[in-house]
Amino acid sequence: MAQDIRALFKNSEITPEKMPKNHQQRFIKKLNKALPKASHSKFKSMLIAASVVGLLGISFGVFKYFQPQPIKSNLPSQVAVNKALKTKTLGDISPGLKKIENYYIASINLELSKISYTAETKDLFDDYIEQLNELDKEYKRLLKDLTESGPNELTINALIDNLKLRLNLLHRLKAQLKKLGTHNEEITQSI
């Protein structure tokens, strides 16, 4: 089955033919007539347009890079702009701090809702509420500091400590009200 290809060519009747003279030139001439000429003018105009767009982009980038940066000053107008900024909270810094802040605020609100006072304990209750208001003012000042100077460890710790202190004050108030309530009950039972 397998045959040598050289033997096949020797036995075949194929005779090597020579190409006619000027065959290659005639072939190229016919090929050029059959194929349409490529439009080089469209390609050149697209190349020029792309070059112009590229140069405009580079020049804009260089212009922005070498443009002088505005100097920050503490003029009254700058202070007004800073006050217009939204005050940051712990939740704006990280999701973990947001959970902590939400936990303490929810606990504080829950404790406040649970506290009931009477006419005898109103003075004690008002003293604690005044302390809570002072802590709230301090908390707002710390939030303003956080917004203006950016987050730092001392400010964040002070904010969390403020929330802890408010919650502890409410626990102490609740304990004192409970103690006074049981003390008042003992007095009324002894009479």
Protein backbone atom coordinates (compact mmCIF):
# COMPACT_ATOMS: atom_id res chain seq x y z
CA MET A 1 0.00 0.00 0.00
CA ALA A 2 2.68 2.43 0.90
CA GLN A 3 4.49 3.69 -2.15
CA ASP A 4 7.42 5.93 -2.57
CA ILE A 5 6.31 9.26 -3.91
CA ARG A 6 9.45 9.58 -6.06
CA ALA A 7 8.55 6.41 -7.84
CA LEU A 8 5.08 7.74 -8.57
CA PHE A 9 6.47 10.89 -10.16
CA LYS A 10 8.89 8.88 -12.30
CA ASN A 11 6.11 6.69 -13.58
CA SER A 12 3.58 9.45 -14.12
CA GLU A 13 2.98 11.21 -17.35
CA ILE A 14 3.27 14.65 -15.79
CA THR A 15 5.83 16.71 -17.55
CA PRO A 16 7.22 19.80 -15.97
CA GLU A 17 5.91 22.81 -17.83
CA LYS A 18 7.57 26.10 -17.95
CA MET A 19 5.64 29.21 -17.11
CA PRO A 20 5.08 31.54 -20.00
CA LYS A 21 7.17 34.65 -20.13
CA ASN A 22 5.82 37.67 -18.22
CA HIS A 23 3.33 35.42 -16.39
CA GLN A 24 3.91 37.05 -13.00
CA GLN A 25 3.50 40.58 -14.37
CA ARG A 26 0.28 39.67 -16.19
CA PHE A 27 -1.08 38.01 -13.02
CA ILE A 28 -0.40 41.13 -10.90
CA LYS A 29 -2.00 43.33 -13.57
CA LYS A 30 -5.18 41.20 -13.60
CA LEU A 31 -5.21 41.09 -9.81
CA ASN A 32 -5.04 44.89 -9.56
CA LYS A 33 -7.92 45.22 -12.03
CA ALA A 34 -10.06 42.73 -10.12
CA LEU A 35 -9.46 44.11 -6.61
CA PRO A 36 -10.60 47.64 -5.70
CA LYS A 37 -7.92 50.03 -4.59
CA ALA A 38 -7.65 50.53 -0.83
CA SER A 39 -8.66 53.97 0.31
CA HIS A 40 -5.62 55.38 2.02
CA SER A 41 -7.19 58.81 2.47
CA LYS A 42 -9.76 57.53 5.03
CA PHE A 43 -7.05 55.76 7.00
CA LYS A 44 -4.85 58.85 7.01
CA SER A 45 -7.69 61.10 8.21
CA MET A 46 -8.55 58.64 11.01
CA LEU A 47 -4.88 58.54 12.02
CA ILE A 48 -4.72 62.33 12.11
CA ALA A 49 -7.94 62.57 14.17
CA ALA A 50 -6.64 59.98 16.65
CA SER A 51 -3.37 61.88 16.96
CA VAL A 52 -5.19 65.15 17.63
CA VAL A 53 -7.38 63.54 20.32
CA GLY A 54 -4.32 61.95 21.91
CA LEU A 55 -2.42 65.24 21.96
CA LEU A 56 -5.42 67.05 23.48
CA GLY A 57 -5.68 64.42 26.20
CA ILE A 58 -2.00 64.58 27.03
CA SER A 59 -1.97 68.39 27.07
CA PHE A 60 -5.01 68.46 29.40
CA GLY A 61 -3.31 65.98 31.74
CA VAL A 62 -0.11 68.04 31.78
CA PHE A 63 -2.12 71.21 32.41
CA LYS A 64 -3.94 69.64 35.39
CA TYR A 65 -0.71 68.18 36.75
CA PHE A 66 1.18 71.47 36.74
CA GLN A 67 -1.77 73.61 37.86
CA PRO A 68 -1.04 75.12 41.32
CA GLN A 69 -3.08 73.68 44.20
CA PRO A 70 -5.25 76.13 46.19
CA ILE A 71 -3.81 77.07 49.55
CA LYS A 72 -6.00 76.17 52.51
CA SER A 73 -6.51 79.03 54.88
CA ASN A 74 -8.44 79.52 58.09
CA LEU A 75 -10.24 82.63 56.94
CA PRO A 76 -13.83 83.11 58.09
CA SER A 77 -15.12 81.85 54.75
CA GLN A 78 -13.17 78.61 55.24
CA VAL A 79 -14.66 78.20 58.73
CA ALA A 80 -18.15 78.67 57.28
CA VAL A 81 -17.44 75.95 54.72
CA ASN A 82 -16.24 73.59 57.48
CA LYS A 83 -19.41 74.17 59.49
CA ALA A 84 -21.50 73.38 56.42
CA LEU A 85 -19.86 69.94 56.25
CA LYS A 86 -21.88 67.06 57.64
CA THR A 87 -20.70 66.02 61.07
CA LYS A 88 -19.14 62.57 61.05
CA THR A 89 -20.12 59.85 63.48
CA LEU A 90 -18.37 56.67 64.54
CA GLY A 91 -20.43 54.80 61.96
CA ASP A 92 -18.84 56.86 59.18
CA ILE A 93 -15.39 55.57 60.11
CA SER A 94 -15.96 51.83 60.13
CA PRO A 95 -18.77 49.27 60.35
CA GLY A 96 -17.37 47.90 63.63
CA LEU A 97 -17.49 51.31 65.27
CA LYS A 98 -21.01 51.79 63.91
CA LYS A 99 -22.10 48.60 65.69
CA ILE A 100 -20.56 49.82 68.94
CA GLU A 101 -22.18 53.24 68.63
CA ASN A 102 -25.58 51.74 67.78
CA TYR A 103 -25.33 49.29 70.69
CA TYR A 104 -24.64 52.02 73.25
CA ILE A 105 -27.22 54.43 71.87
CA ALA A 106 -29.87 51.69 71.79
CA SER A 107 -28.95 50.64 75.36
CA ILE A 108 -29.12 54.23 76.59
CA ASN A 109 -32.52 54.75 74.99
CA LEU A 110 -33.77 51.44 76.40
CA GLU A 111 -32.63 52.33 79.92
CA LEU A 112 -34.22 55.77 79.65
CA SER A 113 -37.51 54.20 78.60
CA LYS A 114 -37.44 51.77 81.55
CA ILE A 115 -36.86 54.44 84.19
CA SER A 116 -39.93 55.66 85.99
CA TYR A 117 -39.75 58.26 88.71
CA THR A 118 -42.08 59.70 91.25
CA ALA A 119 -42.46 63.12 92.77
CA GLU A 120 -40.07 62.14 95.58
CA THR A 121 -37.35 61.03 93.17
CA LYS A 122 -37.78 63.87 90.67
CA ASP A 123 -34.82 65.85 92.03
CA LEU A 124 -32.50 62.85 91.76
CA PHE A 125 -33.80 62.11 88.26
CA ASP A 126 -33.29 65.75 87.17
CA ASP A 127 -29.68 65.74 88.47
CA TYR A 128 -28.87 62.66 86.42
CA ILE A 129 -30.60 64.06 83.34
CA GLU A 130 -28.52 67.23 83.70
CA GLN A 131 -25.33 65.13 83.82
CA LEU A 132 -26.52 63.20 80.76
CA ASN A 133 -27.14 66.48 78.92
CA GLU A 134 -23.60 67.63 79.73
CA LEU A 135 -22.23 64.34 78.42
CA ASP A 136 -24.35 64.74 75.29
CA LYS A 137 -22.89 68.22 74.68
CA GLU A 138 -19.40 66.80 75.13
CA TYR A 139 -20.24 63.98 72.71
CA LYS A 140 -21.36 66.49 70.08
CA ARG A 141 -18.15 68.50 70.61
CA LEU A 142 -16.11 65.32 70.12
CA LEU A 143 -18.04 64.53 66.93
CA LYS A 144 -17.28 68.03 65.66
CA ASP A 145 -13.60 67.48 66.48
CA LEU A 146 -13.76 64.14 64.66
CA THR A 147 -15.21 65.86 61.58
CA GLU A 148 -12.70 68.72 61.54
CA SER A 149 -9.47 66.93 62.41
CA GLY A 150 -10.26 63.48 61.09
CA PRO A 151 -10.39 60.18 62.92
CA ASN A 152 -7.72 59.50 65.51
CA GLU A 153 -7.49 57.00 68.32
CA LEU A 154 -7.92 59.51 71.16
CA THR A 155 -11.12 61.02 69.75
CA ILE A 156 -12.64 57.62 68.97
CA ASN A 157 -11.82 56.31 72.46
CA ALA A 158 -13.24 59.49 74.02
CA LEU A 159 -16.49 59.05 72.07
CA ILE A 160 -16.85 55.42 73.13
CA ASP A 161 -15.98 56.29 76.75
CA ASN A 162 -18.62 59.04 76.67
CA LEU A 163 -21.26 56.51 75.57
CA LYS A 164 -20.13 54.04 78.26
CA LEU A 165 -20.29 56.75 80.93
CA ARG A 166 -23.82 57.73 79.91
CA LEU A 167 -24.95 54.11 80.10
CA ASN A 168 -23.27 53.67 83.50
CA LEU A 169 -24.98 56.83 84.77
CA LEU A 170 -28.34 55.43 83.73
CA HIS A 171 -27.59 52.13 85.49
CA ARG A 172 -26.66 54.03 88.66
CA LEU A 173 -29.81 56.15 88.41
CA LYS A 174 -31.91 53.04 87.97
CA ALA A 175 -30.21 51.39 90.98
CA GLN A 176 -30.70 54.49 93.15
CA LEU A 177 -34.34 54.81 92.11
CA LYS A 178 -34.85 51.15 92.93
CA LYS A 179 -33.09 51.61 96.28
CA LEU A 180 -35.21 54.67 97.07
CA GLY A 181 -38.33 52.81 95.98
CA THR A 182 -37.61 49.91 98.32
CA HIS A 183 -36.64 52.35 101.05
CA ASN A 184 -39.94 54.21 100.60
CA GLU A 185 -41.83 50.90 100.65
CA GLU A 186 -40.10 49.96 103.93
CA ILE A 187 -41.06 53.29 105.46
CA THR A 188 -44.70 52.98 104.41
CA GLN A 189 -44.87 49.37 105.66
CA SER A 190 -43.44 50.35 109.05
CA ILE A 191 -46.00 53.10 109.53
